[in-house]
Amino acid sequence: YVASQTGMCKAGRRSTKWAYFVAAPGFGPIRDIGIPTSGIYVVIAV
């Protein structure tokens, strides 16, 4: 499973933009790249 999402947040006059990425390699070709023993990858930035 691989997915991404973007959005924004507002708190008072402050606003932010965020992005999220998640990947679960499973047993497919995605496991052949990156880290062989990884069960999940997560990245979030604001």
All heavy atoms as atom14 arrays in JSON, in Angstrom:
{
  "sequence": "YVASQTGMCKAGRRSTKWAYFVAAPGFGPIRDIGIPTSGIYVVIAV",
  "atom14_mask": [
    [1, 1, 1, 1, 1, 1, 1, 1, 1, 1, 1, 1, 0, 0],
    [1, 1, 1, 1, 1, 1, 1, 0, 0, 0, 0, 0, 0, 0],
    [1, 1, 1, 1, 1, 0, 0, 0, 0, 0, 0, 0, 0, 0],
    [1, 1, 1, 1, 1, 1, 0, 0, 0, 0, 0, 0, 0, 0],
    [1, 1, 1, 1, 1, 1, 1, 1, 1, 0, 0, 0, 0, 0],
    [1, 1, 1, 1, 1, 1, 1, 0, 0, 0, 0, 0, 0, 0],
    [1, 1, 1, 1, 0, 0, 0, 0, 0, 0, 0, 0, 0, 0],
    [1, 1, 1, 1, 1, 1, 1, 1, 0, 0, 0, 0, 0, 0],
    [1, 1, 1, 1, 1, 1, 0, 0, 0, 0, 0, 0, 0, 0],
    [1, 1, 1, 1, 1, 1, 1, 1, 1, 0, 0, 0, 0, 0],
    [1, 1, 1, 1, 1, 0, 0, 0, 0, 0, 0, 0, 0, 0],
    [1, 1, 1, 1, 0, 0, 0, 0, 0, 0, 0, 0, 0, 0],
    [1, 1, 1, 1, 1, 1, 1, 1, 1, 1, 1, 0, 0, 0],
    [1, 1, 1, 1, 1, 1, 1, 1, 1, 1, 1, 0, 0, 0],
    [1, 1, 1, 1, 1, 1, 0, 0, 0, 0, 0, 0, 0, 0],
    [1, 1, 1, 1, 1, 1, 1, 0, 0, 0, 0, 0, 0, 0],
    [1, 1, 1, 1, 1, 1, 1, 1, 1, 0, 0, 0, 0, 0],
    [1, 1, 1, 1, 1, 1, 1, 1, 1, 1, 1, 1, 1, 1],
    [1, 1, 1, 1, 1, 0, 0, 0, 0, 0, 0, 0, 0, 0],
    [1, 1, 1, 1, 1, 1, 1, 1, 1, 1, 1, 1, 0, 0],
    [1, 1, 1, 1, 1, 1, 1, 1, 1, 1, 1, 0, 0, 0],
    [1, 1, 1, 1, 1, 1, 1, 0, 0, 0, 0, 0, 0, 0],
    [1, 1, 1, 1, 1, 0, 0, 0, 0, 0, 0, 0, 0, 0],
    [1, 1, 1, 1, 1, 0, 0, 0, 0, 0, 0, 0, 0, 0],
    [1, 1, 1, 1, 1, 1, 1, 0, 0, 0, 0, 0, 0, 0],
    [1, 1, 1, 1, 0, 0, 0, 0, 0, 0, 0, 0, 0, 0],
    [1, 1, 1, 1, 1, 1, 1, 1, 1, 1, 1, 0, 0, 0],
    [1, 1, 1, 1, 0, 0, 0, 0, 0, 0, 0, 0, 0, 0],
    [1, 1, 1, 1, 1, 1, 1, 0, 0, 0, 0, 0, 0, 0],
    [1, 1, 1, 1, 1, 1, 1, 1, 0, 0, 0, 0, 0, 0],
    [1, 1, 1, 1, 1, 1, 1, 1, 1, 1, 1, 0, 0, 0],
    [1, 1, 1, 1, 1, 1, 1, 1, 0, 0, 0, 0, 0, 0],
    [1, 1, 1, 1, 1, 1, 1, 1, 0, 0, 0, 0, 0, 0],
    [1, 1, 1, 1, 0, 0, 0, 0, 0, 0, 0, 0, 0, 0],
    [1, 1, 1, 1, 1, 1, 1, 1, 0, 0, 0, 0, 0, 0],
    [1, 1, 1, 1, 1, 1, 1, 0, 0, 0, 0, 0, 0, 0],
    [1, 1, 1, 1, 1, 1, 1, 0, 0, 0, 0, 0, 0, 0],
    [1, 1, 1, 1, 1, 1, 0, 0, 0, 0, 0, 0, 0, 0],
    [1, 1, 1, 1, 0, 0, 0, 0, 0, 0, 0, 0, 0, 0],
    [1, 1, 1, 1, 1, 1, 1, 1, 0, 0, 0, 0, 0, 0],
    [1, 1, 1, 1, 1, 1, 1, 1, 1, 1, 1, 1, 0, 0],
    [1, 1, 1, 1, 1, 1, 1, 0, 0, 0, 0, 0, 0, 0],
    [1, 1, 1, 1, 1, 1, 1, 0, 0, 0, 0, 0, 0, 0],
    [1, 1, 1, 1, 1, 1, 1, 1, 0, 0, 0, 0, 0, 0],
    [1, 1, 1, 1, 1, 0, 0, 0, 0, 0, 0, 0, 0, 0],
    [1, 1, 1, 1, 1, 1, 1, 0, 0, 0, 0, 0, 0, 0]
  ],
  "atom14_positions": [
    [[0.85, -1.19, 0.0], [0.0, 0.0, 0.0], [0.88, 1.24, 0.0], [1.83, 1.33, 0.79], [-0.89, 0.01, 1.25], [-1.9, 1.15, 1.29], [-3.13, 1.02, 0.67], [-1.61, 2.32, 1.96], [-4.06, 2.05, 0.7], [-2.53, 3.36, 2.01], [-3.76, 3.22, 1.38], [-4.67, 4.24, 1.43], [0.0, 0.0, 0.0], [0.0, 0.0, 0.0]],
    [[0.59, 2.18, -0.89], [1.34, 3.43, -0.97], [0.35, 4.56, -1.21], [-0.5, 4.48, -2.11], [2.37, 3.41, -2.13], [3.14, 4.72, -2.16], [3.33, 2.23, -1.98], [0.0, 0.0, 0.0], [0.0, 0.0, 0.0], [0.0, 0.0, 0.0], [0.0, 0.0, 0.0], [0.0, 0.0, 0.0], [0.0, 0.0, 0.0], [0.0, 0.0, 0.0]],
    [[0.42, 5.61, -0.39], [-0.51, 6.72, -0.53], [0.13, 8.01, -0.05], [1.11, 8.01, 0.7], [-1.79, 6.45, 0.25], [0.0, 0.0, 0.0], [0.0, 0.0, 0.0], [0.0, 0.0, 0.0], [0.0, 0.0, 0.0], [0.0, 0.0, 0.0], [0.0, 0.0, 0.0], [0.0, 0.0, 0.0], [0.0, 0.0, 0.0], [0.0, 0.0, 0.0]],
    [[-0.44, 9.12, -0.51], [0.02, 10.43, -0.06], [-1.18, 11.33, 0.13], [-2.26, 11.1, -0.44], [0.99, 11.05, -1.08], [0.34, 11.29, -2.31], [0.0, 0.0, 0.0], [0.0, 0.0, 0.0], [0.0, 0.0, 0.0], [0.0, 0.0, 0.0], [0.0, 0.0, 0.0], [0.0, 0.0, 0.0], [0.0, 0.0, 0.0], [0.0, 0.0, 0.0]],
    [[-0.99, 12.38, 0.9], [-2.08, 13.31, 1.16], [-1.5, 14.68, 1.5], [-0.42, 14.78, 2.1], [-2.96, 12.81, 2.31], [-4.28, 13.54, 2.44], [-5.29, 12.76, 3.25], [-5.11, 11.56, 3.5], [-6.37, 13.4, 3.65], [0.0, 0.0, 0.0], [0.0, 0.0, 0.0], [0.0, 0.0, 0.0], [0.0, 0.0, 0.0], [0.0, 0.0, 0.0]],
    [[-2.19, 15.72, 1.11], [-1.78, 17.08, 1.44], [-2.97, 17.84, 1.99], [-4.13, 17.47, 1.76], [-1.24, 17.83, 0.21], [-2.27, 17.87, -0.8], [0.0, 17.16, -0.36], [0.0, 0.0, 0.0], [0.0, 0.0, 0.0], [0.0, 0.0, 0.0], [0.0, 0.0, 0.0], [0.0, 0.0, 0.0], [0.0, 0.0, 0.0], [0.0, 0.0, 0.0]],
    [[-2.67, 18.91, 2.72], [-3.75, 19.7, 3.29], [-3.22, 20.96, 3.94], [-2.06, 21.33, 3.77], [0.0, 0.0, 0.0], [0.0, 0.0, 0.0], [0.0, 0.0, 0.0], [0.0, 0.0, 0.0], [0.0, 0.0, 0.0], [0.0, 0.0, 0.0], [0.0, 0.0, 0.0], [0.0, 0.0, 0.0], [0.0, 0.0, 0.0], [0.0, 0.0, 0.0]],
    [[-4.07, 21.61, 4.7], [-3.66, 22.81, 5.4], [-4.35, 22.9, 6.75], [-5.38, 22.25, 6.99], [-3.95, 24.06, 4.56], [-5.42, 24.35, 4.34], [-5.63, 25.88, 3.35], [-4.77, 27.08, 4.37], [0.0, 0.0, 0.0], [0.0, 0.0, 0.0], [0.0, 0.0, 0.0], [0.0, 0.0, 0.0], [0.0, 0.0, 0.0], [0.0, 0.0, 0.0]],
    [[-3.76, 23.67, 7.65], [-4.32, 23.87, 8.98], [-4.33, 25.37, 9.28], [-3.47, 26.12, 8.8], [-3.49, 23.17, 10.06], [-3.39, 21.37, 9.88], [0.0, 0.0, 0.0], [0.0, 0.0, 0.0], [0.0, 0.0, 0.0], [0.0, 0.0, 0.0], [0.0, 0.0, 0.0], [0.0, 0.0, 0.0], [0.0, 0.0, 0.0], [0.0, 0.0, 0.0]],
    [[-5.3, 25.79, 10.07], [-5.37, 27.18, 10.51], [-5.64, 27.23, 12.0], [-6.51, 26.54, 12.51], [-6.47, 27.93, 9.76], [-6.08, 28.4, 8.38], [-7.09, 29.39, 7.82], [-6.6, 29.97, 6.5], [-7.55, 30.99, 5.97], [0.0, 0.0, 0.0], [0.0, 0.0, 0.0], [0.0, 0.0, 0.0], [0.0, 0.0, 0.0], [0.0, 0.0, 0.0]],
    [[-4.85, 28.04, 12.69], [-5.03, 28.27, 14.12], [-4.89, 29.76, 14.35], [-3.78, 30.29, 14.35], [-4.01, 27.48, 14.93], [0.0, 0.0, 0.0], [0.0, 0.0, 0.0], [0.0, 0.0, 0.0], [0.0, 0.0, 0.0], [0.0, 0.0, 0.0], [0.0, 0.0, 0.0], [0.0, 0.0, 0.0], [0.0, 0.0, 0.0], [0.0, 0.0, 0.0]],
    [[-6.0, 30.46, 14.5], [-5.96, 31.91, 14.61], [-5.55, 32.5, 13.27], [-6.11, 32.19, 12.23], [0.0, 0.0, 0.0], [0.0, 0.0, 0.0], [0.0, 0.0, 0.0], [0.0, 0.0, 0.0], [0.0, 0.0, 0.0], [0.0, 0.0, 0.0], [0.0, 0.0, 0.0], [0.0, 0.0, 0.0], [0.0, 0.0, 0.0], [0.0, 0.0, 0.0]],
    [[-4.53, 33.33, 13.3], [-4.03, 33.93, 12.06], [-2.93, 33.09, 11.42], [-2.45, 33.41, 10.34], [-3.49, 35.34, 12.34], [-4.56, 36.32, 12.8], [-3.97, 37.7, 12.99], [-5.0, 38.67, 13.39], [-4.74, 39.96, 13.62], [-3.49, 40.43, 13.47], [-5.72, 40.77, 13.99], [0.0, 0.0, 0.0], [0.0, 0.0, 0.0], [0.0, 0.0, 0.0]],
    [[-2.53, 32.02, 12.08], [-1.45, 31.18, 11.56], [-2.01, 30.08, 10.68], [-2.97, 29.4, 11.04], [-0.67, 30.57, 12.73], [0.44, 29.62, 12.29], [1.04, 28.88, 13.47], [1.6, 29.79, 14.46], [2.14, 29.38, 15.6], [2.17, 28.09, 15.89], [2.62, 30.25, 16.45], [0.0, 0.0, 0.0], [0.0, 0.0, 0.0], [0.0, 0.0, 0.0]],
    [[-1.42, 29.91, 9.52], [-1.82, 28.83, 8.62], [-0.59, 28.03, 8.22], [0.51, 28.57, 8.1], [-2.52, 29.38, 7.39], [-1.65, 30.16, 6.61], [0.0, 0.0, 0.0], [0.0, 0.0, 0.0], [0.0, 0.0, 0.0], [0.0, 0.0, 0.0], [0.0, 0.0, 0.0], [0.0, 0.0, 0.0], [0.0, 0.0, 0.0], [0.0, 0.0, 0.0]],
    [[-0.76, 26.75, 8.03], [0.33, 25.87, 7.62], [-0.15, 24.97, 6.48], [-1.34, 24.74, 6.31], [0.81, 24.98, 8.79], [-0.3, 24.19, 9.26], [1.37, 25.81, 9.93], [0.0, 0.0, 0.0], [0.0, 0.0, 0.0], [0.0, 0.0, 0.0], [0.0, 0.0, 0.0], [0.0, 0.0, 0.0], [0.0, 0.0, 0.0], [0.0, 0.0, 0.0]],
    [[0.83, 24.47, 5.74], [0.56, 23.45, 4.73], [1.25, 22.16, 5.18], [2.35, 22.21, 5.73], [1.1, 23.87, 3.36], [0.26, 24.92, 2.65], [0.81, 25.19, 1.26], [-0.11, 26.1, 0.47], [-1.38, 25.41, 0.11], [0.0, 0.0, 0.0], [0.0, 0.0, 0.0], [0.0, 0.0, 0.0], [0.0, 0.0, 0.0], [0.0, 0.0, 0.0]],
    [[0.61, 21.03, 4.95], [1.21, 19.77, 5.36], [1.12, 18.73, 4.24], [0.29, 18.82, 3.34], [0.57, 19.22, 6.63], [-0.93, 19.06, 6.6], [-1.87, 19.95, 7.07], [-1.68, 17.94, 6.08], [-3.14, 19.46, 6.87], [-3.05, 18.23, 6.28], [-1.32, 16.75, 5.47], [-4.06, 17.35, 5.88], [-2.32, 15.85, 5.08], [-3.67, 16.18, 5.29]],
    [[2.02, 17.77, 4.32], [2.03, 16.65, 3.38], [2.4, 15.39, 4.14], [3.17, 15.42, 5.11], [3.01, 16.89, 2.24], [0.0, 0.0, 0.0], [0.0, 0.0, 0.0], [0.0, 0.0, 0.0], [0.0, 0.0, 0.0], [0.0, 0.0, 0.0], [0.0, 0.0, 0.0], [0.0, 0.0, 0.0], [0.0, 0.0, 0.0], [0.0, 0.0, 0.0]],
    [[1.82, 14.28, 3.7], [2.02, 13.0, 4.37], [2.24, 11.93, 3.31], [1.58, 11.92, 2.27], [0.77, 12.68, 5.19], [0.85, 11.5, 6.11], [1.28, 11.63, 7.42], [0.47, 10.23, 5.68], [1.32, 10.54, 8.29], [0.51, 9.14, 6.52], [0.93, 9.3, 7.82], [0.98, 8.22, 8.67], [0.0, 0.0, 0.0], [0.0, 0.0, 0.0]],
    [[3.16, 11.02, 3.6], [3.43, 9.91, 2.69], [3.58, 8.64, 3.52], [4.25, 8.64, 4.56], [4.72, 10.15, 1.91], [5.13, 9.0, 1.02], [4.63, 8.88, -0.26], [6.02, 8.03, 1.48], [5.0, 7.82, -1.08], [6.4, 6.97, 0.67], [5.9, 6.86, -0.62], [0.0, 0.0, 0.0], [0.0, 0.0, 0.0], [0.0, 0.0, 0.0]],
    [[2.94, 7.57, 3.07], [3.06, 6.29, 3.78], [3.17, 5.17, 2.75], [2.54, 5.21, 1.7], [1.84, 6.05, 4.71], [0.55, 5.96, 3.92], [2.04, 4.79, 5.57], [0.0, 0.0, 0.0], [0.0, 0.0, 0.0], [0.0, 0.0, 0.0], [0.0, 0.0, 0.0], [0.0, 0.0, 0.0], [0.0, 0.0, 0.0], [0.0, 0.0, 0.0]],
    [[4.02, 4.19, 3.06], [4.18, 3.03, 2.18], [4.4, 1.79, 3.02], [5.2, 1.79, 3.96], [5.35, 3.23, 1.23], [0.0, 0.0, 0.0], [0.0, 0.0, 0.0], [0.0, 0.0, 0.0], [0.0, 0.0, 0.0], [0.0, 0.0, 0.0], [0.0, 0.0, 0.0], [0.0, 0.0, 0.0], [0.0, 0.0, 0.0], [0.0, 0.0, 0.0]],
    [[3.65, 0.74, 2.7], [3.85, -0.58, 3.29], [4.3, -1.49, 2.15], [3.49, -1.82, 1.27], [2.56, -1.09, 3.93], [0.0, 0.0, 0.0], [0.0, 0.0, 0.0], [0.0, 0.0, 0.0], [0.0, 0.0, 0.0], [0.0, 0.0, 0.0], [0.0, 0.0, 0.0], [0.0, 0.0, 0.0], [0.0, 0.0, 0.0], [0.0, 0.0, 0.0]],
    [[5.58, -1.89, 2.1], [6.12, -2.61, 0.95], [5.51, -3.97, 0.65], [5.49, -4.41, -0.5], [7.61, -2.76, 1.3], [7.87, -1.67, 2.29], [6.61, -1.54, 3.08], [0.0, 0.0, 0.0], [0.0, 0.0, 0.0], [0.0, 0.0, 0.0], [0.0, 0.0, 0.0], [0.0, 0.0, 0.0], [0.0, 0.0, 0.0], [0.0, 0.0, 0.0]],
    [[5.04, -4.69, 1.65], [4.49, -6.01, 1.4], [5.53, -6.95, 0.79], [6.71, -6.91, 1.13], [0.0, 0.0, 0.0], [0.0, 0.0, 0.0], [0.0, 0.0, 0.0], [0.0, 0.0, 0.0], [0.0, 0.0, 0.0], [0.0, 0.0, 0.0], [0.0, 0.0, 0.0], [0.0, 0.0, 0.0], [0.0, 0.0, 0.0], [0.0, 0.0, 0.0]],
    [[5.08, -7.79, -0.17], [5.98, -8.75, -0.81], [6.2, -8.44, -2.29], [6.71, -9.27, -3.03], [5.41, -10.17, -0.68], [5.36, -10.65, 0.74], [4.16, -10.64, 1.44], [6.5, -11.09, 1.39], [4.1, -11.09, 2.75], [6.46, -11.53, 2.71], [5.26, -11.53, 3.39], [0.0, 0.0, 0.0], [0.0, 0.0, 0.0], [0.0, 0.0, 0.0]],
    [[5.81, -7.25, -2.72], [5.96, -6.9, -4.11], [7.31, -6.28, -4.42], [8.22, -6.24, -3.58], [0.0, 0.0, 0.0], [0.0, 0.0, 0.0], [0.0, 0.0, 0.0], [0.0, 0.0, 0.0], [0.0, 0.0, 0.0], [0.0, 0.0, 0.0], [0.0, 0.0, 0.0], [0.0, 0.0, 0.0], [0.0, 0.0, 0.0], [0.0, 0.0, 0.0]],
    [[7.47, -5.76, -5.64], [8.73, -5.15, -6.08], [9.19, -3.97, -5.23], [10.37, -3.63, -5.24], [8.42, -4.71, -7.52], [7.32, -5.62, -7.96], [6.49, -5.85, -6.74], [0.0, 0.0, 0.0], [0.0, 0.0, 0.0], [0.0, 0.0, 0.0], [0.0, 0.0, 0.0], [0.0, 0.0, 0.0], [0.0, 0.0, 0.0], [0.0, 0.0, 0.0]],
    [[8.25, -3.33, -4.52], [8.64, -2.2, -3.69], [9.64, -2.62, -2.61], [10.47, -1.83, -2.16], [7.39, -1.54, -3.06], [6.55, -0.91, -4.17], [7.77, -0.46, -2.03], [5.27, -0.27, -3.68], [0.0, 0.0, 0.0], [0.0, 0.0, 0.0], [0.0, 0.0, 0.0], [0.0, 0.0, 0.0], [0.0, 0.0, 0.0], [0.0, 0.0, 0.0]],
    [[9.57, -3.88, -2.21], [10.52, -4.37, -1.2], [11.94, -4.5, -1.77], [12.9, -4.59, -1.01], [10.06, -5.72, -0.64], [10.94, -6.25, 0.49], [10.24, -7.29, 1.31], [9.1, -6.74, 2.02], [9.19, -5.97, 3.1], [10.37, -5.66, 3.59], [8.11, -5.53, 3.69], [0.0, 0.0, 0.0], [0.0, 0.0, 0.0], [0.0, 0.0, 0.0]],
    [[12.06, -4.48, -3.09], [13.38, -4.61, -3.71], [14.17, -3.3, -3.68], [15.35, -3.29, -4.02], [13.24, -5.09, -5.17], [12.65, -6.48, -5.25], [12.8, -7.25, -4.28], [12.03, -6.8, -6.29], [0.0, 0.0, 0.0], [0.0, 0.0, 0.0], [0.0, 0.0, 0.0], [0.0, 0.0, 0.0], [0.0, 0.0, 0.0], [0.0, 0.0, 0.0]],
    [[13.51, -2.19, -3.32], [14.22, -0.92, -3.2], [14.07, -0.42, -1.76], [13.28, -0.95, -0.99], [13.68, 0.13, -4.19], [12.21, 0.47, -3.88], [13.8, -0.38, -5.62], [11.65, 1.59, -4.75], [0.0, 0.0, 0.0], [0.0, 0.0, 0.0], [0.0, 0.0, 0.0], [0.0, 0.0, 0.0], [0.0, 0.0, 0.0], [0.0, 0.0, 0.0]],
    [[14.84, 0.57, -1.43], [14.74, 1.1, -0.07], [15.44, 0.21, 0.95], [16.57, -0.23, 0.75], [0.0, 0.0, 0.0], [0.0, 0.0, 0.0], [0.0, 0.0, 0.0], [0.0, 0.0, 0.0], [0.0, 0.0, 0.0], [0.0, 0.0, 0.0], [0.0, 0.0, 0.0], [0.0, 0.0, 0.0], [0.0, 0.0, 0.0], [0.0, 0.0, 0.0]],
    [[14.73, -0.12, 2.03], [15.27, -0.93, 3.12], [14.57, -2.29, 3.1], [13.36, -2.37, 3.31], [15.04, -0.24, 4.47], [15.65, 1.18, 4.45], [15.64, -1.05, 5.6], [15.26, 2.03, 5.63], [0.0, 0.0, 0.0], [0.0, 0.0, 0.0], [0.0, 0.0, 0.0], [0.0, 0.0, 0.0], [0.0, 0.0, 0.0], [0.0, 0.0, 0.0]],
    [[15.29, -3.38, 2.83], [14.66, -4.69, 2.65], [13.81, -5.17, 3.83], [12.84, -5.89, 3.63], [15.87, -5.62, 2.43], [16.94, -4.73, 1.9], [16.74, -3.41, 2.58], [0.0, 0.0, 0.0], [0.0, 0.0, 0.0], [0.0, 0.0, 0.0], [0.0, 0.0, 0.0], [0.0, 0.0, 0.0], [0.0, 0.0, 0.0], [0.0, 0.0, 0.0]],
    [[14.18, -4.77, 5.05], [13.45, -5.27, 6.22], [12.39, -4.3, 6.74], [11.86, -4.48, 7.83], [14.43, -5.58, 7.37], [15.11, -4.37, 7.75], [15.42, -6.65, 6.97], [0.0, 0.0, 0.0], [0.0, 0.0, 0.0], [0.0, 0.0, 0.0], [0.0, 0.0, 0.0], [0.0, 0.0, 0.0], [0.0, 0.0, 0.0], [0.0, 0.0, 0.0]],
    [[12.06, -3.27, 5.96], [11.08, -2.29, 6.43], [9.65, -2.78, 6.25], [9.28, -3.27, 5.18], [11.25, -0.96, 5.69], [10.29, -0.03, 6.13], [0.0, 0.0, 0.0], [0.0, 0.0, 0.0], [0.0, 0.0, 0.0], [0.0, 0.0, 0.0], [0.0, 0.0, 0.0], [0.0, 0.0, 0.0], [0.0, 0.0, 0.0], [0.0, 0.0, 0.0]],
    [[8.85, -2.63, 7.28], [7.43, -2.96, 7.18], [6.59, -1.77, 6.77], [5.53, -1.92, 6.19], [0.0, 0.0, 0.0], [0.0, 0.0, 0.0], [0.0, 0.0, 0.0], [0.0, 0.0, 0.0], [0.0, 0.0, 0.0], [0.0, 0.0, 0.0], [0.0, 0.0, 0.0], [0.0, 0.0, 0.0], [0.0, 0.0, 0.0], [0.0, 0.0, 0.0]],
    [[7.09, -0.56, 7.08], [6.34, 0.65, 6.75], [7.28, 1.84, 6.71], [8.29, 1.88, 7.43], [5.21, 0.88, 7.79], [4.19, 1.91, 7.29], [5.78, 1.27, 9.14], [2.94, 1.98, 8.14], [0.0, 0.0, 0.0], [0.0, 0.0, 0.0], [0.0, 0.0, 0.0], [0.0, 0.0, 0.0], [0.0, 0.0, 0.0], [0.0, 0.0, 0.0]],
    [[6.99, 2.77, 5.81], [7.69, 4.04, 5.75], [6.68, 5.16, 6.0], [5.57, 5.11, 5.47], [8.29, 4.29, 4.35], [9.26, 3.24, 3.86], [8.92, 2.4, 2.79], [10.52, 3.09, 4.42], [9.81, 1.45, 2.3], [11.42, 2.14, 3.94], [11.05, 1.33, 2.88], [11.94, 0.38, 2.39], [0.0, 0.0, 0.0], [0.0, 0.0, 0.0]],
    [[7.08, 6.15, 6.77], [6.2, 7.28, 7.05], [6.99, 8.58, 6.97], [8.09, 8.68, 7.52], [5.55, 7.17, 8.44], [4.72, 8.42, 8.74], [4.68, 5.93, 8.54], [0.0, 0.0, 0.0], [0.0, 0.0, 0.0], [0.0, 0.0, 0.0], [0.0, 0.0, 0.0], [0.0, 0.0, 0.0], [0.0, 0.0, 0.0], [0.0, 0.0, 0.0]],
    [[6.44, 9.57, 6.27], [7.02, 10.91, 6.21], [5.89, 11.92, 6.38], [4.85, 11.8, 5.72], [7.73, 11.2, 4.88], [8.28, 12.64, 4.88], [8.85, 10.21, 4.63], [0.0, 0.0, 0.0], [0.0, 0.0, 0.0], [0.0, 0.0, 0.0], [0.0, 0.0, 0.0], [0.0, 0.0, 0.0], [0.0, 0.0, 0.0], [0.0, 0.0, 0.0]],
    [[6.08, 12.88, 7.27], [5.12, 13.97, 7.42], [5.9, 15.26, 7.55], [6.95, 15.31, 8.2], [4.2, 13.76, 8.64], [3.2, 14.91, 8.74], [5.0, 13.62, 9.93], [2.12, 14.7, 9.77], [0.0, 0.0, 0.0], [0.0, 0.0, 0.0], [0.0, 0.0, 0.0], [0.0, 0.0, 0.0], [0.0, 0.0, 0.0], [0.0, 0.0, 0.0]],
    [[5.41, 16.32, 6.88], [6.07, 17.62, 6.93], [5.01, 18.7, 7.02], [3.96, 18.61, 6.37], [6.95, 17.84, 5.71], [0.0, 0.0, 0.0], [0.0, 0.0, 0.0], [0.0, 0.0, 0.0], [0.0, 0.0, 0.0], [0.0, 0.0, 0.0], [0.0, 0.0, 0.0], [0.0, 0.0, 0.0], [0.0, 0.0, 0.0], [0.0, 0.0, 0.0]],
    [[5.3, 19.72, 7.83], [4.39, 20.85, 8.02], [5.21, 22.13, 7.91], [6.21, 22.29, 8.6], [3.7, 20.8, 9.4], [2.74, 21.98, 9.54], [2.96, 19.49, 9.6], [0.0, 0.0, 0.0], [0.0, 0.0, 0.0], [0.0, 0.0, 0.0], [0.0, 0.0, 0.0], [0.0, 0.0, 0.0], [0.0, 0.0, 0.0], [0.0, 0.0, 0.0]]
  ]
}
